Every structure is written in C-alpha cells, then in structure tokens.
N, C-alpha and C. Protein backbone atom coordinates (compact mmCIF):
# COMPACT_ATOMS: atom_id res chain seq x y z
N MET A 1 -99.38 23.64 36.29
CA MET A 1 -99.01 24.39 35.12
C MET A 1 -98.22 25.62 35.58
N ASN A 2 -96.99 25.78 35.05
CA ASN A 2 -96.18 26.91 35.45
C ASN A 2 -96.59 28.18 34.68
N ASN A 3 -95.99 29.33 35.04
CA ASN A 3 -96.37 30.60 34.46
C ASN A 3 -96.17 30.65 32.96
N ALA A 4 -95.10 30.06 32.43
CA ALA A 4 -94.85 30.09 30.98
C ALA A 4 -95.93 29.33 30.24
N HIS A 5 -96.29 28.14 30.75
CA HIS A 5 -97.34 27.37 30.12
C HIS A 5 -98.68 28.08 30.21
N MET A 6 -98.94 28.70 31.34
CA MET A 6 -100.20 29.43 31.52
C MET A 6 -100.30 30.60 30.56
N LYS A 7 -99.19 31.29 30.35
CA LYS A 7 -99.15 32.45 29.44
C LYS A 7 -99.46 31.99 28.02
N TYR A 8 -98.81 30.90 27.59
CA TYR A 8 -99.07 30.39 26.23
C TYR A 8 -100.48 29.83 26.09
N TRP A 9 -100.99 29.22 27.14
CA TRP A 9 -102.35 28.69 27.09
C TRP A 9 -103.35 29.85 26.95
N LEU A 10 -103.08 30.96 27.68
CA LEU A 10 -103.98 32.12 27.60
C LEU A 10 -103.93 32.74 26.18
N VAL A 11 -102.73 32.86 25.63
CA VAL A 11 -102.59 33.38 24.25
C VAL A 11 -103.33 32.45 23.28
N ASN A 12 -103.22 31.15 23.47
CA ASN A 12 -103.91 30.17 22.64
C ASN A 12 -105.43 30.35 22.75
N ALA A 13 -105.94 30.54 23.95
CA ALA A 13 -107.38 30.76 24.12
C ALA A 13 -107.84 32.03 23.46
N LEU A 14 -107.08 33.13 23.58
CA LEU A 14 -107.42 34.38 22.93
C LEU A 14 -107.37 34.22 21.39
N CYS A 15 -106.37 33.49 20.91
CA CYS A 15 -106.30 33.21 19.45
C CYS A 15 -107.52 32.45 18.99
N GLY A 16 -107.98 31.52 19.81
CA GLY A 16 -109.18 30.76 19.47
C GLY A 16 -110.41 31.65 19.34
N VAL A 17 -110.53 32.63 20.20
CA VAL A 17 -111.66 33.58 20.14
C VAL A 17 -111.55 34.44 18.87
N VAL A 18 -110.31 34.92 18.60
CA VAL A 18 -110.12 35.73 17.40
C VAL A 18 -110.43 34.93 16.15
N VAL A 19 -109.96 33.69 16.09
CA VAL A 19 -110.24 32.82 14.94
C VAL A 19 -111.73 32.61 14.79
N LEU A 20 -112.43 32.37 15.90
CA LEU A 20 -113.87 32.19 15.87
C LEU A 20 -114.58 33.40 15.26
N ILE A 21 -114.18 34.58 15.68
CA ILE A 21 -114.82 35.80 15.20
C ILE A 21 -114.47 36.06 13.73
N LEU A 22 -113.17 36.07 13.40
CA LEU A 22 -112.75 36.39 12.02
C LEU A 22 -113.19 35.31 11.05
N LEU A 23 -113.04 34.06 11.41
CA LEU A 23 -113.45 32.98 10.52
C LEU A 23 -114.97 32.92 10.38
N GLY A 24 -115.67 33.22 11.47
CA GLY A 24 -117.12 33.30 11.41
C GLY A 24 -117.57 34.40 10.43
N GLY A 25 -116.93 35.56 10.52
CA GLY A 25 -117.24 36.64 9.58
C GLY A 25 -116.92 36.25 8.15
N HIS A 26 -115.78 35.61 7.96
CA HIS A 26 -115.41 35.15 6.63
C HIS A 26 -116.43 34.16 6.06
N MET A 27 -116.80 33.20 6.88
CA MET A 27 -117.76 32.18 6.43
C MET A 27 -119.10 32.83 6.09
N ALA A 28 -119.54 33.77 6.93
CA ALA A 28 -120.83 34.43 6.68
C ALA A 28 -120.78 35.23 5.39
N GLY A 29 -119.72 36.00 5.20
CA GLY A 29 -119.62 36.87 4.03
C GLY A 29 -119.33 36.15 2.72
N MET A 30 -118.53 35.09 2.79
CA MET A 30 -118.10 34.45 1.58
C MET A 30 -118.94 33.23 1.20
N HIS A 31 -119.46 32.53 2.17
CA HIS A 31 -120.11 31.24 1.86
C HIS A 31 -121.59 31.19 2.22
N LEU A 32 -122.04 32.17 2.95
CA LEU A 32 -123.46 32.22 3.29
C LEU A 32 -124.08 33.49 2.73
N ASP A 33 -123.61 33.89 1.52
CA ASP A 33 -124.04 35.18 0.95
C ASP A 33 -125.52 35.21 0.65
N ASP A 34 -126.12 34.10 0.26
CA ASP A 34 -127.56 34.07 0.00
C ASP A 34 -128.35 34.29 1.30
N LEU A 35 -127.90 33.67 2.37
CA LEU A 35 -128.55 33.83 3.68
C LEU A 35 -128.35 35.26 4.17
N LEU A 36 -127.16 35.80 4.00
CA LEU A 36 -126.87 37.17 4.37
C LEU A 36 -127.72 38.15 3.61
N ALA A 37 -128.01 37.83 2.35
CA ALA A 37 -128.85 38.73 1.52
C ALA A 37 -130.25 38.81 2.09
N LEU A 38 -130.74 37.75 2.69
CA LEU A 38 -132.07 37.80 3.32
C LEU A 38 -132.10 38.74 4.50
N VAL A 39 -130.98 38.81 5.25
CA VAL A 39 -130.89 39.66 6.41
C VAL A 39 -130.62 41.12 6.04
N VAL A 40 -129.65 41.34 5.15
CA VAL A 40 -129.23 42.66 4.78
C VAL A 40 -130.10 43.25 3.68
N GLY A 41 -130.56 42.43 2.79
CA GLY A 41 -131.43 42.90 1.72
C GLY A 41 -130.80 42.97 0.35
N SER A 42 -129.49 42.84 0.27
CA SER A 42 -128.83 42.82 -1.04
C SER A 42 -127.74 41.78 -1.01
N SER A 43 -127.33 41.36 -2.18
CA SER A 43 -126.31 40.30 -2.25
C SER A 43 -125.39 40.55 -3.41
N THR A 44 -124.12 40.26 -3.23
CA THR A 44 -123.17 40.28 -4.31
C THR A 44 -122.54 38.88 -4.34
N GLU A 45 -122.05 38.50 -5.47
CA GLU A 45 -121.39 37.19 -5.58
C GLU A 45 -119.93 37.37 -5.11
N PRO A 46 -119.58 36.85 -3.93
CA PRO A 46 -118.25 37.13 -3.37
C PRO A 46 -117.09 36.54 -4.17
N LEU A 47 -117.34 35.57 -5.05
CA LEU A 47 -116.24 34.99 -5.80
C LEU A 47 -116.06 35.56 -7.21
N GLU A 48 -116.90 36.54 -7.56
CA GLU A 48 -116.69 37.21 -8.84
C GLU A 48 -115.44 38.06 -8.75
N TRP A 49 -114.70 38.16 -9.89
CA TRP A 49 -113.43 38.86 -9.89
C TRP A 49 -113.54 40.29 -9.38
N ALA A 50 -114.61 41.00 -9.74
CA ALA A 50 -114.77 42.38 -9.27
C ALA A 50 -114.81 42.47 -7.76
N GLU A 51 -115.49 41.53 -7.12
CA GLU A 51 -115.59 41.51 -5.64
C GLU A 51 -114.26 41.11 -5.02
N VAL A 52 -113.61 40.12 -5.62
CA VAL A 52 -112.28 39.69 -5.13
C VAL A 52 -111.31 40.87 -5.24
N ASN A 53 -111.38 41.59 -6.34
CA ASN A 53 -110.50 42.72 -6.58
C ASN A 53 -110.75 43.83 -5.55
N VAL A 54 -112.00 44.09 -5.21
CA VAL A 54 -112.32 45.12 -4.21
C VAL A 54 -111.74 44.72 -2.86
N ARG A 55 -111.91 43.45 -2.47
CA ARG A 55 -111.34 42.98 -1.20
C ARG A 55 -109.82 43.03 -1.24
N GLY A 56 -109.22 42.72 -2.38
CA GLY A 56 -107.77 42.76 -2.50
C GLY A 56 -107.19 44.15 -2.37
N GLN A 57 -107.95 45.17 -2.75
CA GLN A 57 -107.50 46.54 -2.64
C GLN A 57 -107.63 47.07 -1.20
N SER A 58 -108.46 46.45 -0.41
CA SER A 58 -108.76 46.92 0.92
C SER A 58 -107.64 46.59 1.91
N ARG A 59 -107.12 47.63 2.56
CA ARG A 59 -106.11 47.39 3.62
C ARG A 59 -106.71 46.64 4.79
N LEU A 60 -107.97 46.95 5.11
CA LEU A 60 -108.64 46.26 6.20
C LEU A 60 -108.71 44.76 5.96
N PHE A 61 -109.11 44.34 4.78
CA PHE A 61 -109.17 42.91 4.46
C PHE A 61 -107.77 42.29 4.49
N THR A 62 -106.79 43.01 3.92
CA THR A 62 -105.43 42.48 3.89
C THR A 62 -104.89 42.26 5.31
N VAL A 63 -105.07 43.25 6.15
CA VAL A 63 -104.60 43.14 7.55
C VAL A 63 -105.35 42.04 8.29
N SER A 64 -106.68 41.99 8.08
CA SER A 64 -107.46 40.97 8.80
C SER A 64 -107.11 39.56 8.32
N TYR A 65 -106.81 39.37 7.05
CA TYR A 65 -106.41 38.05 6.55
C TYR A 65 -105.06 37.63 7.16
N VAL A 66 -104.13 38.57 7.24
CA VAL A 66 -102.81 38.25 7.83
C VAL A 66 -102.96 37.97 9.33
N PHE A 67 -103.81 38.75 10.00
CA PHE A 67 -104.06 38.55 11.42
C PHE A 67 -104.73 37.17 11.64
N LEU A 68 -105.72 36.85 10.80
CA LEU A 68 -106.38 35.54 10.90
C LEU A 68 -105.38 34.42 10.67
N LEU A 69 -104.52 34.59 9.69
CA LEU A 69 -103.49 33.57 9.40
C LEU A 69 -102.61 33.36 10.64
N GLY A 70 -102.11 34.44 11.22
CA GLY A 70 -101.22 34.31 12.38
C GLY A 70 -101.89 33.68 13.58
N THR A 71 -103.11 34.12 13.88
CA THR A 71 -103.80 33.54 15.04
C THR A 71 -104.19 32.09 14.81
N ALA A 72 -104.62 31.77 13.59
CA ALA A 72 -105.00 30.38 13.29
C ALA A 72 -103.77 29.45 13.37
N LEU A 73 -102.64 29.92 12.82
CA LEU A 73 -101.44 29.11 12.88
C LEU A 73 -101.00 28.90 14.33
N PHE A 74 -100.99 29.96 15.13
CA PHE A 74 -100.58 29.81 16.54
C PHE A 74 -101.51 28.84 17.24
N HIS A 75 -102.80 29.05 17.08
CA HIS A 75 -103.78 28.20 17.75
C HIS A 75 -103.63 26.71 17.36
N GLY A 76 -103.53 26.48 16.06
CA GLY A 76 -103.42 25.10 15.57
C GLY A 76 -102.09 24.44 15.93
N LEU A 77 -101.01 25.18 15.77
CA LEU A 77 -99.69 24.61 16.06
C LEU A 77 -99.43 24.45 17.56
N TYR A 78 -100.01 25.32 18.36
CA TYR A 78 -99.92 25.16 19.83
C TYR A 78 -100.65 23.88 20.24
N GLY A 79 -101.82 23.66 19.66
CA GLY A 79 -102.56 22.44 19.94
C GLY A 79 -101.82 21.18 19.48
N LEU A 80 -101.22 21.25 18.27
CA LEU A 80 -100.42 20.13 17.79
C LEU A 80 -99.23 19.88 18.69
N HIS A 81 -98.56 20.97 19.09
CA HIS A 81 -97.40 20.85 20.00
C HIS A 81 -97.80 20.17 21.31
N THR A 82 -98.96 20.58 21.84
CA THR A 82 -99.45 20.00 23.10
C THR A 82 -99.72 18.51 22.93
N ILE A 83 -100.38 18.15 21.87
CA ILE A 83 -100.71 16.73 21.63
C ILE A 83 -99.43 15.90 21.47
N LEU A 84 -98.50 16.42 20.66
CA LEU A 84 -97.27 15.65 20.41
C LEU A 84 -96.38 15.52 21.65
N THR A 85 -96.29 16.61 22.44
CA THR A 85 -95.46 16.51 23.64
C THR A 85 -96.10 15.67 24.74
N GLU A 86 -97.42 15.50 24.69
CA GLU A 86 -98.06 14.56 25.63
C GLU A 86 -97.76 13.12 25.21
N ARG A 87 -97.62 12.89 23.91
CA ARG A 87 -97.32 11.54 23.42
C ARG A 87 -95.86 11.18 23.61
N TRP A 88 -94.97 12.09 23.22
CA TRP A 88 -93.54 11.88 23.35
C TRP A 88 -92.99 12.92 24.32
N SER A 89 -92.69 12.47 25.55
CA SER A 89 -92.37 13.40 26.62
C SER A 89 -90.89 13.59 26.89
N GLY A 90 -90.02 12.95 26.13
CA GLY A 90 -88.60 13.10 26.38
C GLY A 90 -88.11 14.51 26.02
N ARG A 91 -87.01 14.90 26.65
CA ARG A 91 -86.46 16.23 26.44
C ARG A 91 -86.05 16.44 24.97
N ARG A 92 -85.43 15.44 24.37
CA ARG A 92 -85.00 15.56 22.98
C ARG A 92 -86.21 15.65 22.05
N ALA A 93 -87.23 14.84 22.30
CA ALA A 93 -88.43 14.88 21.49
C ALA A 93 -89.13 16.24 21.62
N ALA A 94 -89.17 16.77 22.85
CA ALA A 94 -89.81 18.07 23.06
C ALA A 94 -89.12 19.17 22.30
N ARG A 95 -87.80 19.15 22.25
CA ARG A 95 -87.04 20.16 21.49
C ARG A 95 -87.30 20.00 19.98
N PHE A 96 -87.34 18.77 19.51
CA PHE A 96 -87.61 18.51 18.10
C PHE A 96 -89.01 18.98 17.71
N ILE A 97 -89.98 18.68 18.56
CA ILE A 97 -91.37 19.08 18.30
C ILE A 97 -91.48 20.60 18.30
N LEU A 98 -90.86 21.25 19.27
CA LEU A 98 -90.88 22.71 19.34
C LEU A 98 -90.25 23.32 18.10
N PHE A 99 -89.13 22.81 17.69
CA PHE A 99 -88.45 23.32 16.50
C PHE A 99 -89.32 23.11 15.25
N GLY A 100 -89.93 21.93 15.13
CA GLY A 100 -90.79 21.63 14.00
C GLY A 100 -92.00 22.54 13.93
N CYS A 101 -92.64 22.75 15.07
CA CYS A 101 -93.85 23.61 15.10
C CYS A 101 -93.46 25.05 14.77
N TRP A 102 -92.38 25.55 15.36
CA TRP A 102 -91.97 26.92 15.08
C TRP A 102 -91.56 27.07 13.61
N SER A 103 -90.81 26.11 13.10
CA SER A 103 -90.40 26.18 11.69
C SER A 103 -91.58 26.19 10.76
N ALA A 104 -92.49 25.26 10.98
CA ALA A 104 -93.70 25.19 10.12
C ALA A 104 -94.49 26.46 10.23
N GLY A 105 -94.65 27.01 11.45
CA GLY A 105 -95.41 28.22 11.66
C GLY A 105 -94.81 29.42 10.94
N VAL A 106 -93.48 29.58 11.07
CA VAL A 106 -92.81 30.71 10.41
C VAL A 106 -92.91 30.58 8.89
N ILE A 107 -92.63 29.39 8.36
CA ILE A 107 -92.67 29.21 6.90
C ILE A 107 -94.10 29.45 6.36
N LEU A 108 -95.10 28.87 7.02
CA LEU A 108 -96.48 29.04 6.57
C LEU A 108 -96.95 30.50 6.72
N PHE A 109 -96.57 31.15 7.82
CA PHE A 109 -96.96 32.54 7.99
C PHE A 109 -96.31 33.44 6.96
N LEU A 110 -95.04 33.24 6.69
CA LEU A 110 -94.35 34.06 5.68
C LEU A 110 -94.96 33.82 4.30
N THR A 111 -95.21 32.59 3.96
CA THR A 111 -95.80 32.26 2.65
C THR A 111 -97.16 32.92 2.48
N GLY A 112 -98.01 32.75 3.49
CA GLY A 112 -99.36 33.33 3.43
C GLY A 112 -99.34 34.86 3.43
N THR A 113 -98.46 35.43 4.22
CA THR A 113 -98.38 36.90 4.28
C THR A 113 -97.85 37.48 2.99
N ILE A 114 -96.84 36.84 2.42
CA ILE A 114 -96.31 37.32 1.13
C ILE A 114 -97.38 37.23 0.04
N ALA A 115 -98.13 36.15 0.02
CA ALA A 115 -99.17 35.98 -0.99
C ALA A 115 -100.27 37.05 -0.81
N THR A 116 -100.68 37.27 0.43
CA THR A 116 -101.75 38.22 0.70
C THR A 116 -101.34 39.66 0.39
N VAL A 117 -100.17 40.03 0.88
CA VAL A 117 -99.68 41.38 0.64
C VAL A 117 -99.37 41.61 -0.83
N SER A 118 -98.81 40.61 -1.51
CA SER A 118 -98.54 40.72 -2.94
C SER A 118 -99.84 40.93 -3.71
N PHE A 119 -100.88 40.20 -3.36
CA PHE A 119 -102.16 40.39 -4.03
C PHE A 119 -102.70 41.81 -3.78
N HIS A 120 -102.56 42.28 -2.54
CA HIS A 120 -102.98 43.63 -2.22
C HIS A 120 -102.23 44.68 -3.05
N LEU A 121 -100.93 44.49 -3.17
CA LEU A 121 -100.11 45.47 -3.90
C LEU A 121 -100.30 45.40 -5.42
N LEU A 122 -100.68 44.23 -5.93
CA LEU A 122 -100.80 44.04 -7.37
C LEU A 122 -102.24 44.17 -7.89
N THR A 123 -103.20 44.36 -6.98
CA THR A 123 -104.59 44.42 -7.44
C THR A 123 -104.80 45.73 -8.22
N VAL A 124 -105.46 45.57 -9.33
CA VAL A 124 -105.68 46.72 -10.18
C VAL A 124 -106.95 47.46 -9.79
N THR A 125 -106.86 48.76 -9.80
CA THR A 125 -108.03 49.57 -9.52
C THR A 125 -108.97 49.53 -10.67
N PRO A 126 -110.25 49.23 -10.46
CA PRO A 126 -111.21 49.12 -11.59
C PRO A 126 -111.47 50.46 -12.23
C-alpha cells in the first residue's frame, strides 16, 4: 500500500470512528428515548414538532448533522470505491469509478447540507 492509499485508508478509519460516535448518539437520543429516560430520569418525544424545532434552531445540531453527513459519505463511498476497483481493475474503469464516487459524494453532500442549513435558517423560534 503506497502513501496515498494509506492516507485515504487512515481518513476512512477516522471517519468510521466519527460515524460510530455521532450515529450512536443519534440512535440513543432519537430512537432509544424510553431507555434513555430510565438512565437520565426524564424523557421527551424526539419526533414531536417542538423538539424537532429546538434541534433545528441549534447550531451544534446543524453542524453535527453536516459533519455526520460528510464523514458517512466519505466512509461509505471510499468502501464502495475500494470494492468496485477490486472487481474492475483497469485504468479506465478506475477513473470512471473515481469520478462516479466523487460526483455522487459531492451531489449528496450538497443536497444534505442545503437541506440541513435551510431547516436551521427557517426554523421558527417558539
């Protein structure tokens, strides 16, 4: 493995750790709220509009969602790129796969970021 591949592999591993932490926190807070209530002592319904609105107003949540989106996309698309280039190893195929993964990543990241930031900017203060 040359230095460029090692660098991307290391970034991929770090993204995997970030995804594990952020997605774990998301799953605990949003989908295990009853279990969390046993530990913390109180519970709110995370899907009620008032709660969604509070999270939408929070810069911390907005930044963490965009960061999670970026790291998850890099981690997933790097893995897809690795699988596809192991299957089709020609130079032309490798360029096509790289272009496809980058294009999909940029389009998905921009779409998700615009949606998240737009929600943050448009959320009404209660």
